[in-house]
């Protein structure tokens, strides 16, 4: 359904720290980078995979689940989230995630690639799609019924493939998805976006964030990301400073540090495994990096915050 479980694409790291990276693999005939199903169908179609035994992974796409019945447990960035009826689970590209055994959870299951969204809508949704946004969303009570109905309409339109011209079918699906997400962006904990940045640079920064989530473990230079984005380092640097006030290298280091804190804390990895996972040449270099940013050694941080989660 959403991944090729026979041939997962590795994240570029070896050993015990490796976490597979999965690409979007919709069923044959599904148009464009959007798929809609239900949690119960996903569990039924995948039998005992991937929760027996549980296996962590990362995806290059978003997946969004509305729980309408039962309770869903799911690990996001090594923290177990419990999603109750009326709540939404959002796993974003690059998040480490792991399924728990299927229970009685029911509800719409939406999977989509970042470029499904139109660029102007993607800018408005930036606070919702960013890696740091909440994994579990509880909409305002006045939005809950509308959101559920729209999700069910999106599911119905997805299943209506062949009833109308393909371009109209996809336009309807995308319109319903964008409407749903724009309304979901009103959920508590989501900070409204600042749309004052220039369109071109805003697009560049948004694309940078997407590729950073997929490659921060192995690519650590601004030039690497500029090459991936097809722009100059100067253009990328200006775009990053326009939006965040920070340089590209600083943003890369912040993302690596966030991952290190999550793995040392919530996931209880040792410093050597984290060093390999984040592409450091040796644990000593990782130790200097971590201490320089936090004032703590990796071991001291793990001892002090190992069970709090981040």
Foldseek 3Di string as FASTA:
>chain_A
DAFDVVDFAWLPFDDPLTATETEGDDPPPQDAFKDKDKPVVVCVVVPCPPVVPKGKHFYLWKKKWAWQDDWFWKDWLLDIDIAHHLKMFIHAGLTIIIGHPDDPTITMMMIGHPVLADLVLCQQLVLVRAPPADRMFHADPVCRVVLRVLSVVLNVLSVCPPVDDPVVSSVVNSVSVSVSSNRSCRTPRRDGGDPPFDSVLLSLQVVLSSVLSSPLLADQDLCVSCVVSVHDSVSNQVSCCSRPVDGPNVVSLVVLLVSLLSCLASVVDDQQSSCSRSHHPGSVVVQVSNCVVPVDGSVVSSVVRRHPGD
